[in-house]
Amino acid sequence: MRARAGFGRTRDPGAPIPSPNIWHWPALYEIENRAQDVDGAVFAALADLADWSGVVVDVGCGSGFHLPRFAATASRVVGVEPHPPLAAAARERIAGLAGVEVHRAGAEALPLPDASVDVVHARTAYFFGPGCGPGIAEAMRVLRPGGILVVVDLDATAHPYGAWMRADLAQYDPAAVETFFDVQGFGCRRVDTRWEFESREDLAAVLGIEFTPRTAARAVAGTVGTALDVRYRVHWRRRPRGIEPV
């Protein structure tokens, strides 16, 4: 995926590396968001891992697609997004929703006090393994003891989607990423999902913003109908509660 440049990781301090898909084609990315995981398998896995009734932070929230979903159960939702047009779109999306706010910021400098958050969520944003240590440390800082960081990313070992990703990202090593998270103390759950588009045209357009033209053409030709099977990895790590009283 061409978006894998990473949310919040910087060449210069405070300068986020662009995510080419949503930054350049936000309308098409909205179509992609609507098509992803139509059966809700990822949210079911997240519900098993965490209590979503407290304070939830969505790191790299983009245009805020998931913020209303979090707001349905959370006492407070904070979206964090470094790209000004996307942050503005997220604010427009959540206008009128109580207890939801959006801040322009990066994953390495969350605008929140220490130990003030119950869940930090990041979906295909910033946390791609080696290099994201500062973002993990920042998430641990804002989490309350017992709080959880959940990182949702695409599983490049599951094909055909994973094969298309690897064709465009020869330098991306899924095994190294998974080893990184394991060493950092994360658990991992693999979640199989179904993406369903309204038309072949939508499917082709979305694949066109995720892959190079050559790979996108191969992906479209190799897909029958309007659905894709896509697997995710859900990594999670809790902030320790400390020594419990006897």
Protein backbone atom coordinates (compact mmCIF):
# COMPACT_ATOMS: atom_id res chain seq x y z
CA MET A 1 0.00 0.00 0.00
CA ARG A 2 1.33 3.40 -0.89
CA ALA A 3 -0.05 4.78 2.39
CA ARG A 4 2.60 2.98 4.36
CA ALA A 5 4.80 6.07 4.60
CA GLY A 6 3.51 6.35 8.16
CA PHE A 7 1.49 8.67 10.33
CA GLY A 8 3.57 11.01 12.45
CA ARG A 9 7.00 9.59 11.68
CA THR A 10 9.12 12.58 10.75
CA ARG A 11 12.05 13.56 8.58
CA ASP A 12 12.20 16.83 10.48
CA PRO A 13 10.62 17.38 13.90
CA GLY A 14 6.93 18.10 13.55
CA ALA A 15 6.80 17.28 9.81
CA PRO A 16 4.62 14.22 9.20
CA ILE A 17 5.41 11.90 6.31
CA PRO A 18 2.42 11.96 3.92
CA SER A 19 -0.01 9.08 3.54
CA PRO A 20 -0.47 9.27 -0.22
CA ASN A 21 -3.88 7.59 -0.45
CA ILE A 22 -6.00 9.61 1.97
CA TRP A 23 -3.95 12.82 1.66
CA HIS A 24 -4.29 12.95 -2.11
CA TRP A 25 -7.62 11.18 -2.67
CA PRO A 26 -9.78 11.71 0.43
CA ALA A 27 -13.04 11.12 -1.47
CA LEU A 28 -11.83 7.75 -2.77
CA TYR A 29 -10.52 6.85 0.66
CA GLU A 30 -14.01 7.49 2.01
CA ILE A 31 -15.27 4.85 -0.42
CA GLU A 32 -12.54 2.52 0.85
CA ASN A 33 -13.51 3.12 4.46
CA ARG A 34 -17.13 2.26 3.70
CA ALA A 35 -16.09 -0.93 1.91
CA GLN A 36 -13.70 -2.21 4.56
CA ASP A 37 -14.71 -4.96 6.99
CA VAL A 38 -18.42 -4.80 6.18
CA ASP A 39 -19.10 -7.65 8.61
CA GLY A 40 -17.51 -5.85 11.56
CA ALA A 41 -14.91 -8.51 12.35
CA VAL A 42 -12.26 -6.00 13.44
CA PHE A 43 -14.61 -4.18 15.80
CA ALA A 44 -15.68 -7.52 17.27
CA ALA A 45 -12.04 -8.34 17.98
CA LEU A 46 -11.48 -4.91 19.51
CA ALA A 47 -14.51 -5.35 21.75
CA ASP A 48 -12.97 -8.58 23.07
CA LEU A 49 -9.73 -6.80 23.92
CA ALA A 50 -10.87 -3.57 25.55
CA ASP A 51 -13.63 -1.69 27.32
CA TRP A 52 -14.61 1.15 24.97
CA SER A 53 -16.81 3.03 27.45
CA GLY A 54 -14.09 5.32 28.79
CA VAL A 55 -11.76 7.84 27.10
CA VAL A 56 -10.72 6.72 23.60
CA VAL A 57 -8.01 8.34 21.46
CA ASP A 58 -7.91 7.63 17.72
CA VAL A 59 -4.35 8.27 16.52
CA GLY A 60 -4.19 9.18 12.85
CA CYS A 61 -7.95 9.58 12.67
CA GLY A 62 -7.82 10.97 9.13
CA SER A 63 -11.18 12.45 8.18
CA GLY A 64 -12.70 11.01 11.36
CA PHE A 65 -14.48 8.03 9.82
CA HIS A 66 -14.35 5.94 13.01
CA LEU A 67 -14.96 8.72 15.53
CA PRO A 68 -18.79 8.45 15.54
CA ARG A 69 -18.49 4.69 16.06
CA PHE A 70 -16.31 5.23 19.12
CA ALA A 71 -18.61 7.99 20.37
CA ALA A 72 -21.53 5.55 20.50
CA THR A 73 -20.01 3.94 23.62
CA ALA A 74 -17.14 6.12 24.89
CA SER A 75 -17.47 8.85 27.49
CA ARG A 76 -15.00 10.98 25.52
CA VAL A 77 -13.37 10.56 22.11
CA VAL A 78 -10.25 12.40 20.96
CA GLY A 79 -9.21 12.28 17.31
CA VAL A 80 -5.58 13.14 16.54
CA GLU A 81 -4.52 13.97 12.97
CA PRO A 82 -1.48 15.93 11.68
CA HIS A 83 -2.72 16.84 8.17
CA PRO A 84 -4.73 20.10 8.32
CA PRO A 85 -7.33 19.29 5.61
CA LEU A 86 -8.07 15.92 7.18
CA ALA A 87 -8.27 17.37 10.69
CA ALA A 88 -10.75 19.94 9.36
CA ALA A 89 -12.80 17.19 7.69
CA ALA A 90 -12.82 15.22 10.93
CA ARG A 91 -14.07 18.25 12.87
CA GLU A 92 -16.84 18.72 10.33
CA ARG A 93 -17.83 15.06 10.62
CA ILE A 94 -18.17 15.15 14.40
CA ALA A 95 -19.90 18.55 14.60
CA GLY A 96 -22.83 18.20 16.98
CA LEU A 97 -21.54 15.03 18.64
CA ALA A 98 -21.13 15.48 22.38
CA GLY A 99 -17.86 14.46 23.96
CA VAL A 100 -15.88 14.25 20.71
CA GLU A 101 -12.97 16.51 19.74
CA VAL A 102 -10.24 16.59 17.10
CA HIS A 103 -6.71 17.91 17.54
CA ARG A 104 -4.08 18.56 14.91
CA ALA A 105 -1.07 16.67 16.26
CA GLY A 106 1.21 13.72 15.63
CA ALA A 107 1.51 10.35 17.31
CA GLU A 108 4.76 11.34 19.00
CA ALA A 109 3.25 14.37 20.80
CA LEU A 110 -0.31 13.63 21.88
CA PRO A 111 -2.07 16.71 23.33
CA LEU A 112 -3.21 14.88 26.46
CA PRO A 113 -2.10 14.66 30.08
CA ASP A 114 -0.31 11.69 31.57
CA ALA A 115 -2.49 8.73 32.56
CA SER A 116 -5.71 10.25 31.21
CA VAL A 117 -6.84 7.74 28.55
CA ASP A 118 -8.33 4.24 28.60
CA VAL A 119 -7.78 3.18 24.97
CA VAL A 120 -5.40 4.43 22.28
CA HIS A 121 -6.48 3.15 18.85
CA ALA A 122 -4.47 3.38 15.63
CA ARG A 123 -5.67 1.82 12.38
CA THR A 124 -3.23 1.63 9.44
CA ALA A 125 -1.57 4.75 10.82
CA TYR A 126 1.99 5.31 12.09
CA PHE A 127 2.55 2.03 13.94
CA PHE A 128 4.28 -0.07 11.29
CA GLY A 129 6.95 -1.70 13.43
CA PRO A 130 10.60 -0.57 13.64
CA GLY A 131 10.76 3.21 13.92
CA CYS A 132 7.51 3.72 15.79
CA GLY A 133 9.01 3.41 19.27
CA PRO A 134 8.43 7.09 20.15
CA GLY A 135 4.73 6.74 19.32
CA ILE A 136 4.44 3.65 21.50
CA ALA A 137 6.13 5.47 24.39
CA GLU A 138 3.77 8.41 23.94
CA ALA A 139 0.73 6.12 23.96
CA MET A 140 1.96 4.49 27.17
CA ARG A 141 2.40 7.96 28.70
CA VAL A 142 -1.21 9.00 28.16
CA LEU A 143 -2.73 5.63 29.07
CA ARG A 144 -3.98 5.02 32.57
CA PRO A 145 -2.57 1.97 34.36
CA GLY A 146 -4.42 -0.96 32.82
CA GLY A 147 -5.22 1.03 29.67
CA ILE A 148 -4.54 -0.46 26.26
CA LEU A 149 -2.93 0.52 22.97
CA VAL A 150 -4.50 -1.31 20.01
CA VAL A 151 -2.80 -1.19 16.62
CA VAL A 152 -4.77 -2.40 13.61
CA ASP A 153 -2.75 -3.00 10.45
CA LEU A 154 -3.00 -5.04 7.27
CA ASP A 155 -1.46 -8.52 7.30
CA ALA A 156 0.91 -8.75 4.34
CA THR A 157 1.29 -12.51 4.85
CA ALA A 158 -2.33 -13.16 3.78
CA HIS A 159 -2.91 -13.30 0.06
CA PRO A 160 -3.90 -12.06 -2.47
CA TYR A 161 -3.94 -8.61 -0.80
CA GLY A 162 -0.68 -9.26 0.99
CA ALA A 163 1.01 -10.30 -2.25
CA TRP A 164 -0.07 -7.06 -3.89
CA MET A 165 1.33 -5.10 -0.94
CA ARG A 166 4.65 -6.92 -1.12
CA ALA A 167 4.88 -6.37 -4.87
CA ASP A 168 4.93 -2.61 -4.25
CA LEU A 169 6.86 -2.68 -0.96
CA ALA A 170 9.84 -4.92 -1.46
CA GLN A 171 11.50 -3.36 1.60
CA TYR A 172 8.55 -4.17 3.88
CA ASP A 173 9.23 -7.32 5.90
CA PRO A 174 6.09 -8.56 7.71
CA ALA A 175 8.11 -10.98 9.84
CA ALA A 176 10.38 -8.18 11.05
CA VAL A 177 7.37 -6.03 11.92
CA GLU A 178 5.74 -8.83 13.88
CA THR A 179 9.01 -9.58 15.67
CA PHE A 180 9.31 -5.91 16.60
CA PHE A 181 5.86 -5.87 18.19
CA ASP A 182 6.52 -9.17 19.96
CA VAL A 183 9.75 -7.85 21.47
CA GLN A 184 7.90 -4.69 22.53
CA GLY A 185 5.49 -6.84 24.55
CA PHE A 186 2.45 -6.78 22.24
CA GLY A 187 -0.03 -9.56 21.74
CA CYS A 188 -1.31 -10.29 18.24
CA ARG A 189 -4.61 -11.46 16.79
CA ARG A 190 -5.23 -12.04 13.10
CA VAL A 191 -8.66 -11.04 11.83
CA ASP A 192 -10.08 -12.11 8.47
CA THR A 193 -12.43 -9.57 6.92
CA ARG A 194 -14.45 -8.96 3.79
CA TRP A 195 -14.34 -5.72 1.84
CA GLU A 196 -17.43 -5.12 -0.28
CA PHE A 197 -17.70 -2.34 -2.87
CA GLU A 198 -20.84 -1.00 -4.50
CA SER A 199 -19.38 -1.46 -7.99
CA ARG A 200 -16.37 -2.73 -9.90
CA GLU A 201 -15.58 0.90 -10.68
CA ASP A 202 -15.27 1.71 -6.98
CA LEU A 203 -13.12 -1.36 -6.38
CA ALA A 204 -10.78 -0.41 -9.23
CA ALA A 205 -10.57 3.21 -8.08
CA VAL A 206 -9.62 2.21 -4.53
CA LEU A 207 -7.03 -0.31 -5.66
CA GLY A 208 -5.67 2.47 -7.86
CA ILE A 209 -4.89 4.67 -4.84
CA GLU A 210 -3.44 1.81 -2.79
CA PHE A 211 -1.06 0.32 -5.35
CA THR A 212 1.14 1.31 -8.25
CA PRO A 213 -0.62 1.24 -11.63
CA ARG A 214 0.93 -2.09 -12.59
CA THR A 215 0.00 -3.81 -9.34
CA ALA A 216 -3.46 -2.22 -9.28
CA ALA A 217 -4.18 -3.49 -12.80
CA ARG A 218 -3.12 -6.99 -11.77
CA ALA A 219 -5.26 -6.80 -8.62
CA VAL A 220 -8.35 -5.68 -10.52
CA ALA A 221 -7.88 -8.38 -13.17
CA GLY A 222 -7.45 -11.03 -10.47
CA THR A 223 -10.56 -10.04 -8.51
CA VAL A 224 -13.94 -11.51 -9.38
CA GLY A 225 -16.95 -9.35 -8.55
CA THR A 226 -16.89 -6.54 -5.99
CA ALA A 227 -15.47 -8.20 -2.86
CA LEU A 228 -11.99 -8.71 -1.43
CA ASP A 229 -10.83 -10.97 1.40
CA VAL A 230 -8.38 -8.96 3.52
CA ARG A 231 -6.70 -10.01 6.75
CA TYR A 232 -5.65 -7.62 9.52
CA ARG A 233 -3.26 -7.92 12.42
CA VAL A 234 -4.44 -6.47 15.71
CA HIS A 235 -1.55 -5.82 18.07
CA TRP A 236 -2.23 -4.76 21.63
CA ARG A 237 -0.26 -3.79 24.71
CA ARG A 238 -1.52 -2.72 28.13
CA ARG A 239 0.09 -0.22 30.43
CA PRO A 240 1.06 -2.12 33.57
CA ARG A 241 -1.04 -1.49 36.63
CA GLY A 242 1.96 -1.62 38.90
CA ILE A 243 2.19 -3.55 42.12
CA GLU A 244 -1.28 -4.45 43.36
CA PRO A 245 -1.89 -4.07 47.11
CA VAL A 246 -1.97 -7.33 49.05
